[in-house]
């Protein structure tokens, strides 16, 4: 395994980040997960644009897109695999033991791990914790992921692969690493970014390609929706066959199945839509 770290490829054993890196000490960092198919990235331009938006939201310097592209290409060439999870991590860099940043500049790490296609359907639970739709990190893809770790662990304890959050006003928001869509009377709806959800890359593509509507939805819509599905970089479009103790009729349902077909066809036609 070879990893890109601050300007070049390193062997796994020699790739080291300082114990004083702000990404480690205070979670001062951002990241992107990019799907790689036989060494080719999917939607990389959109991911880099979001990486920059997240950097600006944290007050980090804009990442150098040319360097990140070079790093992605080098890592994928050095680690060939049919389906990879390419992870771009960008942190505040070496800093003091506190919230103030140091002056050493950011750290860039690009690594890849092999993964497998997700099942066409899955089960989810809802959790009692909320997303803060007005928080300082809302809409940013940061490395401050402990809340997601806790919620996902609860999902696994209940035999589910994902946990879904409401926000502080009781509206449906998102999963720990996914966006959520519901089908009501044949129409596809997804929470708006104002709900506090991450503006997912796959979410945006599915909305563009299927005509899904951004709609404020109460959390309990999950208990009456005709169909429910998730989107994310590695899930693509994944039907939900159980929400807590409720099983929507047949998964994937007809609307979800059509969305899956559309996504597969459009994504296959253009690797950087």
Foldseek 3Di string as FASTA:
>chain_A
DWKDKDQDIDDPVPDDADCQFCCNQPQAKFKDKWKAAQLRTFQVVVRLVLRQVLCVLSVAPRDDSVRVVVRSNVQCVVPTDGIKTKMWMKGLGRADNDDDGDDPHIMIMIHIDDDDADDQEWAEEEDPDAAELPDSNQQHRTSPQVVLVVQQVVQVVVVTRWYWHFHPVQWTEQISAWFKWFADPRAIEGADSSRRHHPAPLVVVLCVQQVHYHDTGGPCVVVVTLWMWIDHNRNNIHTYQYYHHDGRPDPPDPSSVVSSVRRVVVCVVDRND
